[in-house]
Amino acid sequence: MELLEEILKPENLNKAYKKVVSNKGVAGVDGITVEEELEYLKEHKETILNQIRKRRYKPQPVKRAQIPKENGKKRNLGIPTVTDRIIQQAIVQVISPIFEEQFNDNSFGFRPNRSPEQAVIRALEYLNDGYEWIVDIDLERFFDTVNQDRLITIIGKTIKDGDVVSLIRKYLSAGAMENGIVKATKVGTPQGGNLSPLLSNIMLNELDKELEKRGLNFVRYADDCIILVKSEKAANRVLASITRYIEKKLGLKVNAEKSKVTKPRDTKYLGYSFWTTKGGKWKPKPHIKSCEKLKRKLKKLTDRSWSISLEERIKKINYVVRGWVNYFRIANMRGVLRGIDEHLRTRIRVIIWKQWKVAGRREKALKQLGVREDIAYNLANSRKGYQQICKTTWVKFAINVERLKRKGIVFLLDQYERVHMEYAN
């Protein structure tokens, strides 16, 4: 059976449909939502399948969206229609296993049963083998600069079904709609489509093969790649030669300002940095920028001027806390988490203090929570700022950790200990 027919088999399309529906997401340029897609397919499915088989199918342009990055710039996203997301997912389900056999074991991004955690662990293995100089390669706007002709040529070496290659090419060149105007996409692979992660790995597998051929130790997660060597001289040499390879052979752009030779303590890889024990063994920790980003999120969620119920606020805080700790679960960070938890508790106490509003209610609440009558009166009528009051011993006693936990809040250190216990078992 031809590969295209494998893609268009009802069971494969049904699986793709369920995957896209479970991921939800917004409508594309046609305005058809995930909820409306089933009715649309009942009416148009056979027409779409016939068009694909005859190479007459024309994917809709992606809907251009931009999301802010940490550095203040914006990342382009391309949102395909729900129909095109289903077709792309159907393609991925069939051709991904074919390319998986070719992918390097040191590639961890957008692959089944692989994670950022595994990439960091692999990097640690190299560090502890003595490869303590890191070449940090930063690809500039990778998804926006991929050479489509090169990518299609690479795909064609493995996929011999011309109908499938033609369909992939159409998705690459479908265009993007921004402010009602469709612009051609002659370069790049729109970030946001179901095909995009696989296509990025197919392209960067060429880099993996080159690094392997040169006998270099490396770890790659999508377009985040580090190479680990034993000396600064070797690192500088590798940075120069690999930059030439990437730009001349792959047609990609290396960001000269961000690409650098660095030591593990100064490295930020997938949100992690590294430190050594007294015995000289390298261990992972969250990078300081990752911690600062978490603090900013929690600060936003605990803004006392935000009109939201404490119950709803706690749900949002717990979502962030669980996600962050689960991502960094292999890191050593008890000390860091204690400090963030303490600050978080103060900010929650401030929210509760503000909710009590007037002096009489504050005094009554403090007394009910076990504070002496004279102290409750003085605190309730104090002119000090919220933060200052909520850092006092008596407010901490009244709104203590156990009472906050009974309200449902999950603190970082508790989540960390819980995850480690589960991990150990």
Protein backbone atom coordinates (compact mmCIF):
# COMPACT_ATOMS: atom_id res chain seq x y z
CA MET A 1 0.00 0.00 0.00
CA GLU A 2 1.26 3.49 -0.88
CA LEU A 3 2.19 5.71 2.05
CA LEU A 4 -0.53 8.25 1.21
CA GLU A 5 -3.20 5.56 1.54
CA GLU A 6 -1.78 4.62 4.94
CA ILE A 7 -2.24 8.25 5.96
CA LEU A 8 -5.80 8.37 4.62
CA LYS A 9 -6.95 5.10 6.21
CA PRO A 10 -10.11 5.70 8.30
CA GLU A 11 -8.54 4.40 11.52
CA ASN A 12 -5.53 6.71 11.12
CA LEU A 13 -7.73 9.72 10.37
CA ASN A 14 -10.00 8.92 13.33
CA LYS A 15 -6.97 8.73 15.62
CA ALA A 16 -5.74 12.08 14.26
CA TYR A 17 -9.17 13.64 14.77
CA LYS A 18 -9.31 12.49 18.41
CA LYS A 19 -5.80 13.82 19.04
CA VAL A 20 -6.62 17.27 17.63
CA VAL A 21 -9.93 17.45 19.50
CA SER A 22 -8.24 16.49 22.80
CA ASN A 23 -5.66 19.26 22.28
CA LYS A 24 -8.52 21.76 21.77
CA GLY A 25 -7.02 25.02 20.49
CA VAL A 26 -8.52 27.93 18.59
CA ALA A 27 -10.02 28.05 15.11
CA GLY A 28 -7.93 28.84 12.06
CA VAL A 29 -8.64 31.32 9.27
CA ASP A 30 -11.91 29.56 8.32
CA GLY A 31 -13.37 30.19 11.79
CA ILE A 32 -14.41 26.55 12.26
CA THR A 33 -13.87 25.49 15.87
CA VAL A 34 -12.91 22.08 17.22
CA GLU A 35 -16.51 21.62 18.38
CA GLU A 36 -17.87 22.39 14.88
CA GLU A 37 -15.34 20.26 13.01
CA LEU A 38 -17.24 16.97 13.12
CA GLU A 39 -20.26 18.41 11.29
CA TYR A 40 -17.94 20.04 8.75
CA LEU A 41 -16.16 16.73 8.07
CA LYS A 42 -19.43 14.82 7.66
CA GLU A 43 -20.26 17.11 4.76
CA HIS A 44 -16.81 17.62 3.20
CA LYS A 45 -14.63 14.60 4.10
CA GLU A 46 -14.95 12.71 0.82
CA THR A 47 -14.28 15.84 -1.23
CA ILE A 48 -11.14 16.59 0.83
CA LEU A 49 -9.84 13.01 0.50
CA ASN A 50 -10.39 12.98 -3.27
CA GLN A 51 -8.60 16.32 -3.61
CA ILE A 52 -5.63 15.00 -1.60
CA ARG A 53 -5.39 11.85 -3.73
CA LYS A 54 -5.42 13.92 -6.94
CA ARG A 55 -2.93 16.49 -5.55
CA ARG A 56 -5.59 19.18 -5.80
CA TYR A 57 -5.99 19.82 -2.11
CA LYS A 58 -4.92 23.30 -1.10
CA PRO A 59 -4.26 23.85 2.62
CA GLN A 60 -5.61 27.07 4.09
CA PRO A 61 -3.10 29.73 5.17
CA VAL A 62 -2.19 29.61 8.84
CA LYS A 63 -3.53 32.31 11.14
CA ARG A 64 -0.61 34.39 12.33
CA ALA A 65 -0.36 34.97 16.06
CA GLN A 66 2.45 36.29 18.21
CA ILE A 67 3.36 35.37 21.76
CA PRO A 68 5.75 37.43 23.91
CA LYS A 69 9.20 36.06 24.75
CA GLU A 70 11.18 36.68 27.95
CA ASN A 71 13.50 39.13 26.17
CA GLY A 72 10.59 41.37 25.17
CA LYS A 73 10.51 40.17 21.56
CA LYS A 74 7.69 38.11 20.06
CA ARG A 75 7.58 34.60 18.64
CA ASN A 76 5.54 33.95 15.51
CA LEU A 77 2.94 31.20 15.69
CA GLY A 78 1.02 29.84 12.75
CA ILE A 79 -2.37 28.33 13.62
CA PRO A 80 -3.70 25.99 10.89
CA THR A 81 -7.42 25.31 10.47
CA VAL A 82 -8.75 22.37 12.47
CA THR A 83 -9.10 20.36 9.24
CA ASP A 84 -5.46 20.98 8.35
CA ARG A 85 -4.37 20.11 11.88
CA ILE A 86 -6.11 16.74 11.48
CA ILE A 87 -4.46 16.05 8.12
CA GLN A 88 -1.06 17.10 9.46
CA GLN A 89 -1.51 14.86 12.51
CA ALA A 90 -2.46 11.95 10.22
CA ILE A 91 0.78 12.49 8.26
CA VAL A 92 2.83 12.64 11.48
CA GLN A 93 1.35 9.37 12.79
CA VAL A 94 2.51 7.49 9.69
CA ILE A 95 5.88 9.06 8.85
CA SER A 96 7.14 9.76 12.39
CA PRO A 97 7.98 6.08 13.11
CA ILE A 98 9.93 5.97 9.83
CA PHE A 99 12.12 8.92 10.82
CA GLU A 100 12.38 7.81 14.46
CA GLU A 101 14.65 4.99 13.29
CA GLN A 102 17.06 7.61 11.91
CA PHE A 103 17.07 10.06 14.81
CA ASN A 104 20.05 10.29 17.15
CA ASP A 105 19.82 9.01 20.71
CA ASN A 106 21.00 12.44 21.95
CA SER A 107 17.95 14.18 20.44
CA PHE A 108 15.14 14.58 22.98
CA GLY A 109 12.70 17.23 21.72
CA PHE A 110 9.25 16.41 20.30
CA ARG A 111 9.85 12.68 20.38
CA PRO A 112 7.80 9.88 21.96
CA ASN A 113 8.74 8.96 25.54
CA ARG A 114 11.42 11.67 25.72
CA SER A 115 11.57 14.77 27.86
CA PRO A 116 13.67 17.81 28.83
CA GLU A 117 14.50 15.98 32.06
CA GLN A 118 16.18 13.19 30.08
CA ALA A 119 18.16 15.74 28.06
CA VAL A 120 19.50 17.34 31.24
CA ILE A 121 20.40 13.93 32.68
CA ARG A 122 22.33 13.10 29.49
CA ALA A 123 24.20 16.41 29.75
CA LEU A 124 25.07 15.57 33.38
CA GLU A 125 26.52 12.23 32.27
CA TYR A 126 28.93 14.03 29.94
CA LEU A 127 29.80 16.64 32.57
CA ASN A 128 30.64 13.94 35.11
CA ASP A 129 32.79 12.17 32.52
CA GLY A 130 35.00 15.28 32.43
CA TYR A 131 33.49 17.17 29.47
CA GLU A 132 33.16 20.44 31.38
CA TRP A 133 33.32 23.04 28.61
CA ILE A 134 30.03 23.76 26.90
CA VAL A 135 29.45 25.09 23.40
CA ASP A 136 26.01 26.68 23.51
CA ILE A 137 24.60 26.99 19.97
CA ASP A 138 21.71 29.42 19.55
CA LEU A 139 19.81 29.16 16.27
CA GLU A 140 18.30 32.48 15.32
CA ARG A 141 14.54 32.27 14.64
CA PHE A 142 14.92 28.64 13.59
CA PHE A 143 11.28 27.94 12.67
CA ASP A 144 11.15 31.14 10.59
CA THR A 145 14.38 30.53 8.64
CA VAL A 146 14.31 26.85 7.62
CA ASN A 147 15.19 26.47 3.94
CA GLN A 148 12.14 24.67 2.54
CA ASP A 149 13.93 23.30 -0.54
CA ARG A 150 16.65 21.74 1.60
CA LEU A 151 14.06 20.31 3.97
CA ILE A 152 12.00 18.76 1.16
CA THR A 153 15.17 17.28 -0.36
CA ILE A 154 16.03 15.66 2.99
CA ILE A 155 12.48 14.32 3.38
CA GLY A 156 12.54 12.95 -0.19
CA LYS A 157 15.60 10.80 0.60
CA THR A 158 13.44 8.78 3.01
CA ILE A 159 9.85 9.26 1.84
CA LYS A 160 9.58 7.88 -1.69
CA ASP A 161 5.85 8.53 -2.09
CA GLY A 162 5.70 11.72 -4.17
CA ASP A 163 2.09 12.39 -3.16
CA VAL A 164 3.10 12.62 0.51
CA VAL A 165 6.12 14.82 -0.21
CA SER A 166 3.94 17.09 -2.35
CA LEU A 167 1.36 17.41 0.43
CA ILE A 168 4.07 18.32 2.97
CA ARG A 169 5.44 20.92 0.55
CA LYS A 170 1.98 22.46 0.26
CA TYR A 171 1.79 22.84 4.03
CA LEU A 172 5.16 24.57 4.10
CA SER A 173 4.12 27.07 1.44
CA ALA A 174 0.47 27.54 2.45
CA GLY A 175 1.07 31.14 3.51
CA ALA A 176 0.06 33.06 6.62
CA MET A 177 -2.83 35.45 7.20
CA GLU A 178 -2.09 38.52 9.28
CA ASN A 179 -4.55 41.39 9.70
CA GLY A 180 -6.68 39.93 6.91
CA ILE A 181 -3.79 39.81 4.40
CA VAL A 182 -2.28 36.51 3.21
CA LYS A 183 1.50 36.54 2.93
CA ALA A 184 3.54 33.87 1.15
CA THR A 185 5.77 31.62 3.28
CA LYS A 186 8.79 30.84 1.10
CA VAL A 187 11.02 30.01 4.06
CA GLY A 188 10.41 28.46 7.47
CA THR A 189 8.03 25.92 8.91
CA PRO A 190 5.20 27.64 10.80
CA GLN A 191 5.53 27.00 14.54
CA GLY A 192 2.15 25.86 15.79
CA GLY A 193 1.19 23.19 13.27
CA ASN A 194 1.19 19.46 14.07
CA LEU A 195 3.83 18.78 11.42
CA SER A 196 6.23 21.48 12.56
CA PRO A 197 7.95 19.62 15.46
CA LEU A 198 8.68 16.57 13.30
CA LEU A 199 9.95 18.71 10.42
CA SER A 200 12.30 20.55 12.78
CA ASN A 201 13.75 17.24 13.97
CA ILE A 202 14.16 16.01 10.39
CA MET A 203 16.11 19.17 9.54
CA LEU A 204 18.25 19.20 12.67
CA ASN A 205 18.95 15.48 12.43
CA GLU A 206 21.43 16.56 9.74
CA LEU A 207 23.27 18.52 12.43
CA ASP A 208 23.13 15.50 14.76
CA LYS A 209 24.69 13.30 12.09
CA GLU A 210 27.51 15.79 11.54
CA LEU A 211 28.23 16.05 15.28
CA GLU A 212 28.22 12.26 15.58
CA LYS A 213 30.54 11.94 12.58
CA ARG A 214 33.00 14.29 14.30
CA GLY A 215 32.84 12.22 17.50
CA LEU A 216 31.42 15.10 19.57
CA ASN A 217 29.31 14.72 22.70
CA PHE A 218 26.12 16.74 22.39
CA VAL A 219 22.57 17.03 23.67
CA ARG A 220 19.76 18.53 21.60
CA TYR A 221 16.19 19.36 22.54
CA ALA A 222 14.47 20.77 19.43
CA ASP A 223 16.65 23.75 18.44
CA ASP A 224 18.37 23.97 21.86
CA CYS A 225 21.73 22.30 21.34
CA ILE A 226 24.82 22.10 23.55
CA ILE A 227 28.12 20.39 22.72
CA LEU A 228 30.35 19.25 25.58
CA VAL A 229 34.15 19.07 25.26
CA LYS A 230 37.16 18.86 27.60
CA SER A 231 39.00 22.14 26.99
CA GLU A 232 38.30 25.80 26.28
CA LYS A 233 40.51 25.65 23.17
CA ALA A 234 38.53 22.72 21.76
CA ALA A 235 35.27 24.49 22.60
CA ASN A 236 36.20 27.63 20.68
CA ARG A 237 37.32 25.55 17.71
CA VAL A 238 34.04 23.57 17.72
CA LEU A 239 31.94 26.74 18.00
CA ALA A 240 33.60 28.24 14.91
CA SER A 241 33.50 25.07 12.77
CA ILE A 242 29.94 24.04 13.68
CA THR A 243 28.69 27.58 13.06
CA ARG A 244 30.16 27.40 9.54
CA TYR A 245 28.52 24.01 8.97
CA ILE A 246 25.08 25.17 10.16
CA GLU A 247 25.10 28.33 8.05
CA LYS A 248 26.68 26.94 4.86
CA LYS A 249 25.38 23.38 4.74
CA LEU A 250 22.00 23.71 6.45
CA GLY A 251 21.23 27.30 5.45
CA LEU A 252 20.30 28.26 9.00
CA LYS A 253 21.39 31.32 10.96
CA VAL A 254 23.45 31.08 14.16
CA ASN A 255 22.93 33.93 16.62
CA ALA A 256 26.52 35.09 17.15
CA GLU A 257 25.61 37.18 20.20
CA LYS A 258 23.92 34.35 22.10
CA SER A 259 26.08 31.42 20.93
CA LYS A 260 29.05 31.06 23.26
CA VAL A 261 31.59 28.92 25.05
CA THR A 262 30.69 28.61 28.71
CA LYS A 263 31.18 26.63 31.91
CA PRO A 264 28.36 24.57 33.45
CA ARG A 265 27.71 27.02 36.32
CA ASP A 266 27.12 29.82 33.80
CA THR A 267 24.99 27.73 31.45
CA LYS A 268 21.22 27.93 31.10
CA TYR A 269 19.96 24.82 29.34
CA LEU A 270 16.24 24.04 29.21
CA GLY A 271 15.80 26.23 32.29
CA TYR A 272 18.50 24.39 34.26
CA SER A 273 21.98 25.26 35.44
CA PHE A 274 24.58 23.08 37.17
CA TRP A 275 26.60 22.99 40.40
CA THR A 276 29.17 20.67 41.97
CA THR A 277 29.13 18.79 45.26
CA LYS A 278 32.16 18.78 47.57
CA GLY A 279 33.19 15.58 45.86
CA GLY A 280 33.20 17.31 42.48
CA LYS A 281 30.06 15.65 41.10
CA TRP A 282 27.88 17.81 38.85
CA LYS A 283 24.22 18.19 39.84
CA PRO A 284 21.29 20.10 38.25
CA LYS A 285 19.51 23.13 39.68
CA PRO A 286 16.96 25.60 38.31
CA HIS A 287 18.72 28.52 36.65
CA ILE A 288 18.34 31.82 38.49
CA LYS A 289 16.30 33.17 35.55
CA SER A 290 13.88 30.24 35.89
CA CYS A 291 13.44 31.06 39.57
CA GLU A 292 12.91 34.75 38.81
CA LYS A 293 10.31 33.85 36.20
CA LEU A 294 8.45 31.72 38.77
CA LYS A 295 8.55 34.59 41.28
CA ARG A 296 7.06 36.94 38.68
CA LYS A 297 4.22 34.50 37.98
CA LEU A 298 3.44 34.09 41.67
CA LYS A 299 3.63 37.85 42.21
CA LYS A 300 1.08 38.37 39.47
CA LEU A 301 -1.21 35.71 40.92
CA THR A 302 -0.98 37.25 44.40
CA ASP A 303 -1.61 40.84 43.36
CA ARG A 304 -3.89 42.10 46.14
CA SER A 305 -5.72 44.47 43.79
CA TRP A 306 -6.88 41.57 41.57
CA SER A 307 -10.61 41.06 42.17
CA ILE A 308 -10.83 37.27 42.36
CA SER A 309 -11.96 34.87 45.07
CA LEU A 310 -9.28 33.32 47.28
CA GLU A 311 -10.47 29.85 46.22
CA GLU A 312 -10.00 30.61 42.51
CA ARG A 313 -6.67 32.31 43.18
CA ILE A 314 -5.41 29.25 45.07
CA LYS A 315 -6.36 26.99 42.14
CA LYS A 316 -4.25 29.13 39.79
CA ILE A 317 -1.32 29.22 42.23
CA ASN A 318 -1.45 25.43 42.67
CA TYR A 319 -1.44 24.91 38.90
CA VAL A 320 1.77 26.96 38.57
CA VAL A 321 3.42 25.38 41.62
CA ARG A 322 2.74 21.79 40.54
CA GLY A 323 3.82 22.41 36.95
CA TRP A 324 7.05 24.17 37.93
CA VAL A 325 8.11 21.63 40.55
CA ASN A 326 7.25 18.67 38.32
CA TYR A 327 9.40 20.15 35.53
CA PHE A 328 12.40 20.73 37.82
CA ARG A 329 11.91 17.62 39.94
CA ILE A 330 15.44 16.29 39.32
CA ALA A 331 17.01 19.55 40.53
CA ASN A 332 18.43 20.34 43.97
CA MET A 333 16.40 23.29 45.18
CA ARG A 334 15.09 22.88 48.73
CA GLY A 335 16.77 26.09 49.94
CA VAL A 336 15.46 28.11 47.00
CA LEU A 337 11.93 26.80 47.48
CA ARG A 338 11.88 27.64 51.20
CA GLY A 339 12.61 31.28 50.39
CA ILE A 340 9.97 31.50 47.64
CA ASP A 341 7.40 29.75 49.85
CA GLU A 342 7.99 32.22 52.68
CA HIS A 343 7.45 35.17 50.35
CA LEU A 344 4.36 33.49 48.86
CA ARG A 345 2.87 33.00 52.32
CA THR A 346 3.41 36.69 53.14
CA ARG A 347 1.62 37.75 49.98
CA ILE A 348 -1.32 35.43 50.68
CA ARG A 349 -1.56 36.80 54.24
CA VAL A 350 -1.69 40.29 52.74
CA ILE A 351 -4.61 39.23 50.52
CA ILE A 352 -6.50 37.81 53.52
CA TRP A 353 -5.69 40.91 55.60
CA LYS A 354 -7.06 43.13 52.85
CA GLN A 355 -10.21 40.99 52.58
CA TRP A 356 -10.90 41.63 56.27
CA LYS A 357 -11.10 45.32 55.20
CA VAL A 358 -11.93 47.27 58.39
CA ALA A 359 -10.21 47.45 61.78
CA GLY A 360 -13.15 45.92 63.68
CA ARG A 361 -13.31 42.87 61.46
CA ARG A 362 -9.52 42.43 61.56
CA GLU A 363 -9.47 42.62 65.35
CA LYS A 364 -12.30 40.09 65.64
CA ALA A 365 -10.65 37.68 63.17
CA LEU A 366 -7.29 37.85 64.95
CA LYS A 367 -8.88 37.15 68.33
CA GLN A 368 -10.80 34.18 66.87
CA LEU A 369 -7.47 32.84 65.59
CA GLY A 370 -5.91 32.97 69.05
CA VAL A 371 -4.22 36.38 69.16
CA ARG A 372 -4.29 38.23 72.51
CA GLU A 373 -6.94 40.95 72.73
CA ASP A 374 -4.50 43.89 73.16
CA ILE A 375 -2.23 42.73 70.36
CA ALA A 376 -5.20 42.12 68.06
CA TYR A 377 -6.43 45.67 68.71
CA ASN A 378 -2.99 47.22 68.04
CA LEU A 379 -2.46 45.25 64.81
CA ALA A 380 -5.96 45.97 63.50
CA ASN A 381 -5.52 49.69 64.07
CA SER A 382 -1.89 49.92 62.94
CA ARG A 383 -0.94 52.40 60.22
CA LYS A 384 1.91 50.22 58.99
CA GLY A 385 1.85 48.86 55.45
CA TYR A 386 0.22 45.52 54.61
CA GLN A 387 3.52 43.72 54.05
CA GLN A 388 4.99 44.98 57.31
CA ILE A 389 1.95 43.91 59.33
CA CYS A 390 1.75 40.49 57.68
CA LYS A 391 5.39 39.76 58.50
CA THR A 392 4.78 40.19 62.22
CA THR A 393 4.99 37.14 64.47
CA TRP A 394 1.35 37.41 65.56
CA VAL A 395 -0.12 37.59 62.04
CA LYS A 396 2.07 34.63 61.08
CA PHE A 397 0.71 32.83 64.14
CA ALA A 398 -2.89 33.69 63.25
CA ILE A 399 -2.62 32.86 59.56
CA ASN A 400 -0.13 30.05 59.98
CA VAL A 401 1.12 27.51 57.47
CA GLU A 402 -1.29 24.76 58.52
CA ARG A 403 -4.29 27.08 58.23
CA LEU A 404 -3.16 28.13 54.75
CA LYS A 405 -2.78 24.49 53.74
CA ARG A 406 -6.30 23.76 54.97
CA LYS A 407 -7.50 26.40 52.53
CA GLY A 408 -6.06 24.14 49.81
CA ILE A 409 -2.86 25.90 48.84
CA VAL A 410 0.07 23.74 47.72
CA PHE A 411 3.49 25.09 48.67
CA LEU A 412 6.56 24.49 46.53
CA LEU A 413 8.60 22.58 49.09
CA ASP A 414 5.70 20.26 49.96
CA GLN A 415 5.14 19.51 46.29
CA TYR A 416 8.88 18.92 45.82
CA GLU A 417 9.00 16.42 48.71
CA ARG A 418 5.85 14.71 47.43
CA VAL A 419 7.25 14.36 43.91
CA HIS A 420 10.58 13.04 45.22
CA MET A 421 8.79 10.45 47.33
CA GLU A 422 6.80 9.26 44.32
CA TYR A 423 9.96 9.30 42.18
CA ALA A 424 11.84 7.19 44.77
CA ASN A 425 9.05 4.63 44.91
